[in-house]
Amino acid sequence: MKFTWPVKNLGPAGGGKADGLYTFDAHSSPAGMTWCGEDFPEPLRNGFLVTRFGNLLGESRTGIAEDIGFDVLSVHPKREGDGTWSARTETVFSKLGRSH
């Protein structure tokens, strides 16, 4: 059996850290993505736009001081020399509507 490492999120958005977290923030989930090809503006070109759904639990139940997710992220993947993948993740839109 061969295991494939997940994509390391280098951030600065979506929960990524300089040391490389392998996921998005806890209590958030990618809800859809679109590839941005050569015809998109430079900051988005050759990357994905990812919508992120967040938690529906209030602060009192999760201990999280702010809403997580409910945003659109720009994700630019890169293959590393060792064959693994990393991604630079930046916020495009934030604080989109939160369900109540």
C-alpha atoms as a PDB file:
ATOM      1  CA  MET A   1       0.000   0.000   0.000  1.00  0.00           C
ATOM      2  CA  LYS A   2       1.285   3.464  -0.890  1.00  0.00           C
ATOM      3  CA  PHE A   3       0.226   6.459   1.188  1.00  0.00           C
ATOM      4  CA  THR A   4      -0.116   9.944  -0.292  1.00  0.00           C
ATOM      5  CA  TRP A   5       0.561  12.897   2.002  1.00  0.00           C
ATOM      6  CA  PRO A   6      -2.107  15.620   2.067  1.00  0.00           C
ATOM      7  CA  VAL A   7      -1.394  19.088   0.678  1.00  0.00           C
ATOM      8  CA  LYS A   8       0.433  21.212   3.257  1.00  0.00           C
ATOM      9  CA  ASN A   9      -1.367  24.547   3.795  1.00  0.00           C
ATOM     10  CA  LEU A  10       1.370  27.188   4.158  1.00  0.00           C
ATOM     11  CA  GLY A  11      -1.154  29.993   4.745  1.00  0.00           C
ATOM     12  CA  PRO A  12      -1.341  32.756   5.625  1.00  0.00           C
ATOM     13  CA  ALA A  13      -5.118  32.097   5.395  1.00  0.00           C
ATOM     14  CA  GLY A  14      -7.396  29.143   6.032  1.00  0.00           C
ATOM     15  CA  GLY A  15      -5.502  27.904   9.066  1.00  0.00           C
ATOM     16  CA  GLY A  16      -2.121  27.524   7.408  1.00  0.00           C
ATOM     17  CA  LYS A  17       1.060  28.269   9.321  1.00  0.00           C
ATOM     18  CA  ALA A  18       4.666  28.720   8.265  1.00  0.00           C
ATOM     19  CA  ASP A  19       5.425  25.250   9.663  1.00  0.00           C
ATOM     20  CA  GLY A  20       2.702  23.824   7.422  1.00  0.00           C
ATOM     21  CA  LEU A  21      -0.643  22.684   8.764  1.00  0.00           C
ATOM     22  CA  TYR A  22      -2.126  19.917   6.635  1.00  0.00           C
ATOM     23  CA  THR A  23      -5.703  21.143   6.807  1.00  0.00           C
ATOM     24  CA  PHE A  24      -8.002  24.147   7.051  1.00  0.00           C
ATOM     25  CA  ASP A  25      -9.100  25.658  10.365  1.00  0.00           C
ATOM     26  CA  ALA A  26     -11.040  23.337  12.633  1.00  0.00           C
ATOM     27  CA  HIS A  27     -14.811  23.510  12.139  1.00  0.00           C
ATOM     28  CA  SER A  28     -14.509  24.674   8.520  1.00  0.00           C
ATOM     29  CA  SER A  29     -14.950  22.776   5.298  1.00  0.00           C
ATOM     30  CA  PRO A  30     -14.206  23.454   1.627  1.00  0.00           C
ATOM     31  CA  ALA A  31     -17.596  23.627  -0.071  1.00  0.00           C
ATOM     32  CA  GLY A  32     -16.613  24.058  -3.707  1.00  0.00           C
ATOM     33  CA  MET A  33     -13.750  25.119  -5.924  1.00  0.00           C
ATOM     34  CA  THR A  34     -13.053  26.630  -9.317  1.00  0.00           C
ATOM     35  CA  TRP A  35      -9.804  26.494 -11.302  1.00  0.00           C
ATOM     36  CA  CYS A  36      -8.550  29.945 -12.364  1.00  0.00           C
ATOM     37  CA  GLY A  37      -6.656  29.477 -15.625  1.00  0.00           C
ATOM     38  CA  GLU A  38      -4.569  31.782 -17.790  1.00  0.00           C
ATOM     39  CA  ASP A  39      -7.493  34.144 -18.511  1.00  0.00           C
ATOM     40  CA  PHE A  40      -7.829  35.218 -14.843  1.00  0.00           C
ATOM     41  CA  PRO A  41      -6.027  38.226 -13.290  1.00  0.00           C
ATOM     42  CA  GLU A  42      -2.477  37.549 -12.067  1.00  0.00           C
ATOM     43  CA  PRO A  43      -3.222  37.175  -8.322  1.00  0.00           C
ATOM     44  CA  LEU A  44      -5.704  34.358  -9.049  1.00  0.00           C
ATOM     45  CA  ARG A  45      -4.103  32.825 -12.148  1.00  0.00           C
ATOM     46  CA  ASN A  46      -3.149  29.128 -12.028  1.00  0.00           C
ATOM     47  CA  GLY A  47      -4.808  28.525  -8.695  1.00  0.00           C
ATOM     48  CA  PHE A  48      -8.139  27.535  -7.196  1.00  0.00           C
ATOM     49  CA  LEU A  49     -10.857  29.669  -5.682  1.00  0.00           C
ATOM     50  CA  VAL A  50     -12.265  27.701  -2.750  1.00  0.00           C
ATOM     51  CA  THR A  51     -15.462  28.581  -0.911  1.00  0.00           C
ATOM     52  CA  ARG A  52     -15.321  27.578   2.718  1.00  0.00           C
ATOM     53  CA  PHE A  53     -18.285  26.786   4.907  1.00  0.00           C
ATOM     54  CA  GLY A  54     -17.801  27.441   8.612  1.00  0.00           C
ATOM     55  CA  ASN A  55     -19.118  26.300  11.931  1.00  0.00           C
ATOM     56  CA  LEU A  56     -22.711  26.771  13.006  1.00  0.00           C
ATOM     57  CA  LEU A  57     -21.930  26.535  16.705  1.00  0.00           C
ATOM     58  CA  GLY A  58     -21.786  29.657  18.828  1.00  0.00           C
ATOM     59  CA  GLU A  59     -18.694  30.711  20.765  1.00  0.00           C
ATOM     60  CA  SER A  60     -20.129  29.416  24.034  1.00  0.00           C
ATOM     61  CA  ARG A  61     -20.217  25.836  22.663  1.00  0.00           C
ATOM     62  CA  THR A  62     -16.890  25.786  20.801  1.00  0.00           C
ATOM     63  CA  GLY A  63     -14.671  28.213  22.691  1.00  0.00           C
ATOM     64  CA  ILE A  64     -13.746  29.785  19.340  1.00  0.00           C
ATOM     65  CA  ALA A  65     -13.698  33.572  19.650  1.00  0.00           C
ATOM     66  CA  GLU A  66     -14.709  34.244  16.046  1.00  0.00           C
ATOM     67  CA  ASP A  67     -16.479  32.578  13.167  1.00  0.00           C
ATOM     68  CA  ILE A  68     -14.294  30.249  11.136  1.00  0.00           C
ATOM     69  CA  GLY A  69     -14.861  29.915   7.412  1.00  0.00           C
ATOM     70  CA  PHE A  70     -17.642  31.659   5.480  1.00  0.00           C
ATOM     71  CA  ASP A  71     -15.045  32.979   3.057  1.00  0.00           C
ATOM     72  CA  VAL A  72     -13.467  32.507  -0.370  1.00  0.00           C
ATOM     73  CA  LEU A  73      -9.804  31.524  -0.486  1.00  0.00           C
ATOM     74  CA  SER A  74      -7.257  31.619  -3.296  1.00  0.00           C
ATOM     75  CA  VAL A  75      -5.133  28.450  -3.223  1.00  0.00           C
ATOM     76  CA  HIS A  76      -1.956  28.096  -5.298  1.00  0.00           C
ATOM     77  CA  PRO A  77      -0.573  24.532  -5.245  1.00  0.00           C
ATOM     78  CA  LYS A  78       3.113  23.728  -5.714  1.00  0.00           C
ATOM     79  CA  ARG A  79       4.904  20.381  -6.020  1.00  0.00           C
ATOM     80  CA  GLU A  80       7.870  20.208  -3.646  1.00  0.00           C
ATOM     81  CA  GLY A  81      11.220  18.596  -4.474  1.00  0.00           C
ATOM     82  CA  ASP A  82      10.377  15.527  -2.403  1.00  0.00           C
ATOM     83  CA  GLY A  83       7.203  14.912  -4.440  1.00  0.00           C
ATOM     84  CA  THR A  84       4.774  16.207  -1.800  1.00  0.00           C
ATOM     85  CA  TRP A  85       2.474  19.178  -2.397  1.00  0.00           C
ATOM     86  CA  SER A  86       2.101  22.487  -0.585  1.00  0.00           C
ATOM     87  CA  ALA A  87      -0.241  25.413  -1.197  1.00  0.00           C
ATOM     88  CA  ARG A  88      -0.128  29.153  -0.547  1.00  0.00           C
ATOM     89  CA  THR A  89      -3.590  30.141   0.693  1.00  0.00           C
ATOM     90  CA  GLU A  90      -4.856  33.734   0.767  1.00  0.00           C
ATOM     91  CA  THR A  91      -8.218  35.302   1.585  1.00  0.00           C
ATOM     92  CA  VAL A  92     -10.142  36.796  -1.371  1.00  0.00           C
ATOM     93  CA  PHE A  93     -13.484  37.516   0.378  1.00  0.00           C
ATOM     94  CA  SER A  94     -14.206  37.172   4.063  1.00  0.00           C
ATOM     95  CA  LYS A  95     -17.108  37.394   6.449  1.00  0.00           C
ATOM     96  CA  LEU A  96     -19.642  36.199   3.920  1.00  0.00           C
ATOM     97  CA  GLY A  97     -23.124  35.521   5.273  1.00  0.00           C
ATOM     98  CA  ARG A  98     -23.333  33.285   8.313  1.00  0.00           C
ATOM     99  CA  SER A  99     -26.430  31.166   8.810  1.00  0.00           C
ATOM    100  CA  HIS A 100     -28.416  32.024  11.946  1.00  0.00           C
END
